[in-house]
Structures are given as C-alpha cells and as structure tokens.
C-alpha cells in the first residue's frame, strides 16, 4: 500500500502551517514497508488572506494536491475539510515533526487497511 501525503510546513521540519495559509506543500510517498521519500515541493497561492477567504483559490489549493491520499496540517477550516474529503483526501491536524507525522500516518493507515480487509 503505497500512497502520497501532502504536508504544510514553513520550515521543512515541522507540520506547522494552516491549510489556508500554506504557500507550499511538501509531497511525500509512503511505501509499503513504512519508509518514505520526499517527491517534490508544490508552490501554492494561499486562499486565506488576513482571515478572508478568496473565492475559488480554495478549490485551486485542493486541486493542487488532488493526487495525494492524506494532508498533514496544523489546522484546516470546515469548508476546506469538505472540499478535501470530496476529493478523497483525508486531512489530519497535528503538530508533529514531519518525520514523526509520516511515521504515525504510515502505522495508522496500515492498521486501517488491515481492519478493513
């Protein structure tokens, strides 16, 4: 079970960015054995500007990561959650380091898939 994860981070070390304020998403691939690799950095036009949401930019941000299964962020609003889920992207709110977050998601997803089989 290999899958992609998008991470919102300002420092490449911690999951510390709100989805609506993320200027970029770090894309990782988690492999069957739980290991992971960095794939790319995707520049984003953040939809939240000083607390205001700007129209279709939220949709553009979700479309930017539509090929991932999971999003790791420090926070995400209800409107964005609905859009993410409609694209079958699971948002997880956490304050882990990226390394710990990817490890935790790998274990969690493996357990979920085993329980569903």
C-alpha atoms as a PDB file:
ATOM      1  CA  UNK A   1       0.000   0.000   0.000  1.00  0.00           C
ATOM      2  CA  UNK A   2       1.942   2.984  -1.327  1.00  0.00           C
ATOM      3  CA  UNK A   3       0.350   6.415  -1.066  1.00  0.00           C
ATOM      4  CA  UNK A   4       1.183  10.118  -1.266  1.00  0.00           C
ATOM      5  CA  UNK A   5       0.985  12.637   1.561  1.00  0.00           C
ATOM      6  CA  UNK A   6       0.971  16.447   1.341  1.00  0.00           C
ATOM      7  CA  UNK A   7       2.495  18.331   4.268  1.00  0.00           C
ATOM      8  CA  UNK A   8       2.017  22.011   5.131  1.00  0.00           C
ATOM      9  CA  UNK A   9       5.250  23.291   6.642  1.00  0.00           C
ATOM     10  CA  UNK A  10       7.050  26.615   6.851  1.00  0.00           C
ATOM     11  CA  UNK A  11      10.412  25.154   7.853  1.00  0.00           C
ATOM     12  CA  UNK A  12      10.698  21.698   6.185  1.00  0.00           C
ATOM     13  CA  UNK A  13      10.916  20.116   9.647  1.00  0.00           C
ATOM     14  CA  UNK A  14       7.554  20.550  11.350  1.00  0.00           C
ATOM     15  CA  UNK A  15       3.895  20.279  10.410  1.00  0.00           C
ATOM     16  CA  UNK A  16       3.202  23.866  11.372  1.00  0.00           C
ATOM     17  CA  UNK A  17       1.079  25.550   8.721  1.00  0.00           C
ATOM     18  CA  UNK A  18      -2.678  26.108   8.360  1.00  0.00           C
ATOM     19  CA  UNK A  19      -4.045  24.717   5.084  1.00  0.00           C
ATOM     20  CA  UNK A  20      -5.469  28.080   4.018  1.00  0.00           C
ATOM     21  CA  UNK A  21      -2.185  29.889   4.642  1.00  0.00           C
ATOM     22  CA  UNK A  22       0.167  27.315   3.124  1.00  0.00           C
ATOM     23  CA  UNK A  23       2.431  28.832   0.488  1.00  0.00           C
ATOM     24  CA  UNK A  24       3.592  25.354  -0.487  1.00  0.00           C
ATOM     25  CA  UNK A  25       3.011  21.685   0.106  1.00  0.00           C
ATOM     26  CA  UNK A  26       5.756  19.119   0.542  1.00  0.00           C
ATOM     27  CA  UNK A  27       4.800  15.886  -1.199  1.00  0.00           C
ATOM     28  CA  UNK A  28       5.995  12.550   0.167  1.00  0.00           C
ATOM     29  CA  UNK A  29       5.448   8.961  -0.855  1.00  0.00           C
ATOM     30  CA  UNK A  30       4.959   6.409   1.916  1.00  0.00           C
ATOM     31  CA  UNK A  31       5.936   2.892   0.881  1.00  0.00           C
ATOM     32  CA  UNK A  32       4.574  -0.491   1.930  1.00  0.00           C
ATOM     33  CA  UNK A  33       7.388  -1.012   4.435  1.00  0.00           C
ATOM     34  CA  UNK A  34       6.618   2.298   6.194  1.00  0.00           C
ATOM     35  CA  UNK A  35       9.599   4.117   4.742  1.00  0.00           C
ATOM     36  CA  UNK A  36       9.014   7.378   2.944  1.00  0.00           C
ATOM     37  CA  UNK A  37      10.665   9.611   0.401  1.00  0.00           C
ATOM     38  CA  UNK A  38      10.340  13.271  -0.494  1.00  0.00           C
ATOM     39  CA  UNK A  39       8.978  13.710  -4.015  1.00  0.00           C
ATOM     40  CA  UNK A  40       8.523  17.422  -4.604  1.00  0.00           C
ATOM     41  CA  UNK A  41       7.648  20.883  -3.390  1.00  0.00           C
ATOM     42  CA  UNK A  42       4.424  22.376  -4.827  1.00  0.00           C
ATOM     43  CA  UNK A  43       4.040  26.136  -4.678  1.00  0.00           C
ATOM     44  CA  UNK A  44       0.563  27.286  -3.643  1.00  0.00           C
ATOM     45  CA  UNK A  45      -1.408  30.530  -3.751  1.00  0.00           C
ATOM     46  CA  UNK A  46      -2.842  30.571  -0.193  1.00  0.00           C
ATOM     47  CA  UNK A  47      -6.613  31.063  -0.152  1.00  0.00           C
ATOM     48  CA  UNK A  48      -6.737  32.791   3.251  1.00  0.00           C
ATOM     49  CA  UNK A  49      -5.508  36.360   3.271  1.00  0.00           C
ATOM     50  CA  UNK A  50      -5.641  38.077   6.656  1.00  0.00           C
ATOM     51  CA  UNK A  51      -8.589  35.963   7.744  1.00  0.00           C
ATOM     52  CA  UNK A  52     -10.511  36.432   4.494  1.00  0.00           C
ATOM     53  CA  UNK A  53     -11.193  33.573   2.099  1.00  0.00           C
ATOM     54  CA  UNK A  54     -10.699  34.328  -1.562  1.00  0.00           C
ATOM     55  CA  UNK A  55     -13.253  32.552  -3.778  1.00  0.00           C
ATOM     56  CA  UNK A  56     -12.023  29.734  -5.972  1.00  0.00           C
ATOM     57  CA  UNK A  57      -8.466  29.875  -4.659  1.00  0.00           C
ATOM     58  CA  UNK A  58      -9.502  27.306  -2.011  1.00  0.00           C
ATOM     59  CA  UNK A  59     -10.565  24.947  -4.810  1.00  0.00           C
ATOM     60  CA  UNK A  60      -7.272  25.625  -6.606  1.00  0.00           C
ATOM     61  CA  UNK A  61      -5.327  24.664  -3.460  1.00  0.00           C
ATOM     62  CA  UNK A  62      -7.247  21.398  -3.139  1.00  0.00           C
ATOM     63  CA  UNK A  63      -6.796  20.678  -6.857  1.00  0.00           C
ATOM     64  CA  UNK A  64      -3.045  21.240  -6.446  1.00  0.00           C
ATOM     65  CA  UNK A  65      -2.850  18.191  -4.163  1.00  0.00           C
ATOM     66  CA  UNK A  66      -5.678  16.087  -5.625  1.00  0.00           C
ATOM     67  CA  UNK A  67      -3.300  13.164  -6.272  1.00  0.00           C
ATOM     68  CA  UNK A  68      -2.495  12.658  -2.573  1.00  0.00           C
ATOM     69  CA  UNK A  69      -4.414  10.494  -0.094  1.00  0.00           C
ATOM     70  CA  UNK A  70      -3.579  12.411   3.079  1.00  0.00           C
ATOM     71  CA  UNK A  71      -2.906  16.004   4.093  1.00  0.00           C
ATOM     72  CA  UNK A  72      -0.967  16.833   7.267  1.00  0.00           C
ATOM     73  CA  UNK A  73      -1.569  20.377   8.562  1.00  0.00           C
ATOM     74  CA  UNK A  74      -1.536  22.336  11.805  1.00  0.00           C
ATOM     75  CA  UNK A  75      -5.118  23.490  11.166  1.00  0.00           C
ATOM     76  CA  UNK A  76      -7.824  23.438   8.497  1.00  0.00           C
ATOM     77  CA  UNK A  77     -11.241  25.045   8.286  1.00  0.00           C
ATOM     78  CA  UNK A  78     -14.563  23.231   7.812  1.00  0.00           C
ATOM     79  CA  UNK A  79     -15.059  24.456   4.226  1.00  0.00           C
ATOM     80  CA  UNK A  80     -11.642  23.169   3.229  1.00  0.00           C
ATOM     81  CA  UNK A  81     -12.306  19.861   5.005  1.00  0.00           C
ATOM     82  CA  UNK A  82     -15.437  19.371   2.905  1.00  0.00           C
ATOM     83  CA  UNK A  83     -13.530  20.100  -0.317  1.00  0.00           C
ATOM     84  CA  UNK A  84     -10.661  17.791   0.663  1.00  0.00           C
ATOM     85  CA  UNK A  85     -12.990  14.928   1.553  1.00  0.00           C
ATOM     86  CA  UNK A  86     -14.864  15.402  -1.737  1.00  0.00           C
ATOM     87  CA  UNK A  87     -11.519  14.715  -3.469  1.00  0.00           C
ATOM     88  CA  UNK A  88     -10.921  11.700  -1.173  1.00  0.00           C
ATOM     89  CA  UNK A  89      -8.080  13.427   0.670  1.00  0.00           C
ATOM     90  CA  UNK A  90      -8.020  12.756   4.428  1.00  0.00           C
ATOM     91  CA  UNK A  91      -6.960  15.844   6.403  1.00  0.00           C
ATOM     92  CA  UNK A  92      -5.100  15.232   9.655  1.00  0.00           C
ATOM     93  CA  UNK A  93      -4.413  18.079  12.082  1.00  0.00           C
ATOM     94  CA  UNK A  94      -1.216  17.640  14.064  1.00  0.00           C
ATOM     95  CA  UNK A  95       1.845  19.447  15.377  1.00  0.00           C
ATOM     96  CA  UNK A  96       4.348  16.600  14.933  1.00  0.00           C
ATOM     97  CA  UNK A  97       7.640  16.922  13.165  1.00  0.00           C
ATOM     98  CA  UNK A  98       7.287  15.866   9.536  1.00  0.00           C
ATOM     99  CA  UNK A  99       9.277  12.700  10.220  1.00  0.00           C
ATOM    100  CA  UNK A 100       7.094  11.696  13.188  1.00  0.00           C
ATOM    101  CA  UNK A 101       3.904  12.636  11.328  1.00  0.00           C
ATOM    102  CA  UNK A 102       4.804  10.480   8.323  1.00  0.00           C
ATOM    103  CA  UNK A 103       5.714   7.546  10.593  1.00  0.00           C
ATOM    104  CA  UNK A 104       2.450   7.884  12.550  1.00  0.00           C
ATOM    105  CA  UNK A 105       0.336   8.099   9.360  1.00  0.00           C
ATOM    106  CA  UNK A 106       2.101   5.043   7.941  1.00  0.00           C
ATOM    107  CA  UNK A 107       1.198   2.996  11.024  1.00  0.00           C
ATOM    108  CA  UNK A 108      -2.347   4.350  11.215  1.00  0.00           C
ATOM    109  CA  UNK A 109      -3.121   3.719   7.540  1.00  0.00           C
ATOM    110  CA  UNK A 110      -1.654   0.207   7.725  1.00  0.00           C
ATOM    111  CA  UNK A 111      -3.900  -0.583  10.713  1.00  0.00           C
ATOM    112  CA  UNK A 112      -6.969   0.885   8.963  1.00  0.00           C
ATOM    113  CA  UNK A 113      -6.351  -1.190   5.844  1.00  0.00           C
ATOM    114  CA  UNK A 114      -5.769  -4.371   7.859  1.00  0.00           C
ATOM    115  CA  UNK A 115      -9.009  -3.828   9.755  1.00  0.00           C
ATOM    116  CA  UNK A 116     -10.927  -3.271   6.512  1.00  0.00           C
ATOM    117  CA  UNK A 117      -9.621  -6.446   4.849  1.00  0.00           C
END
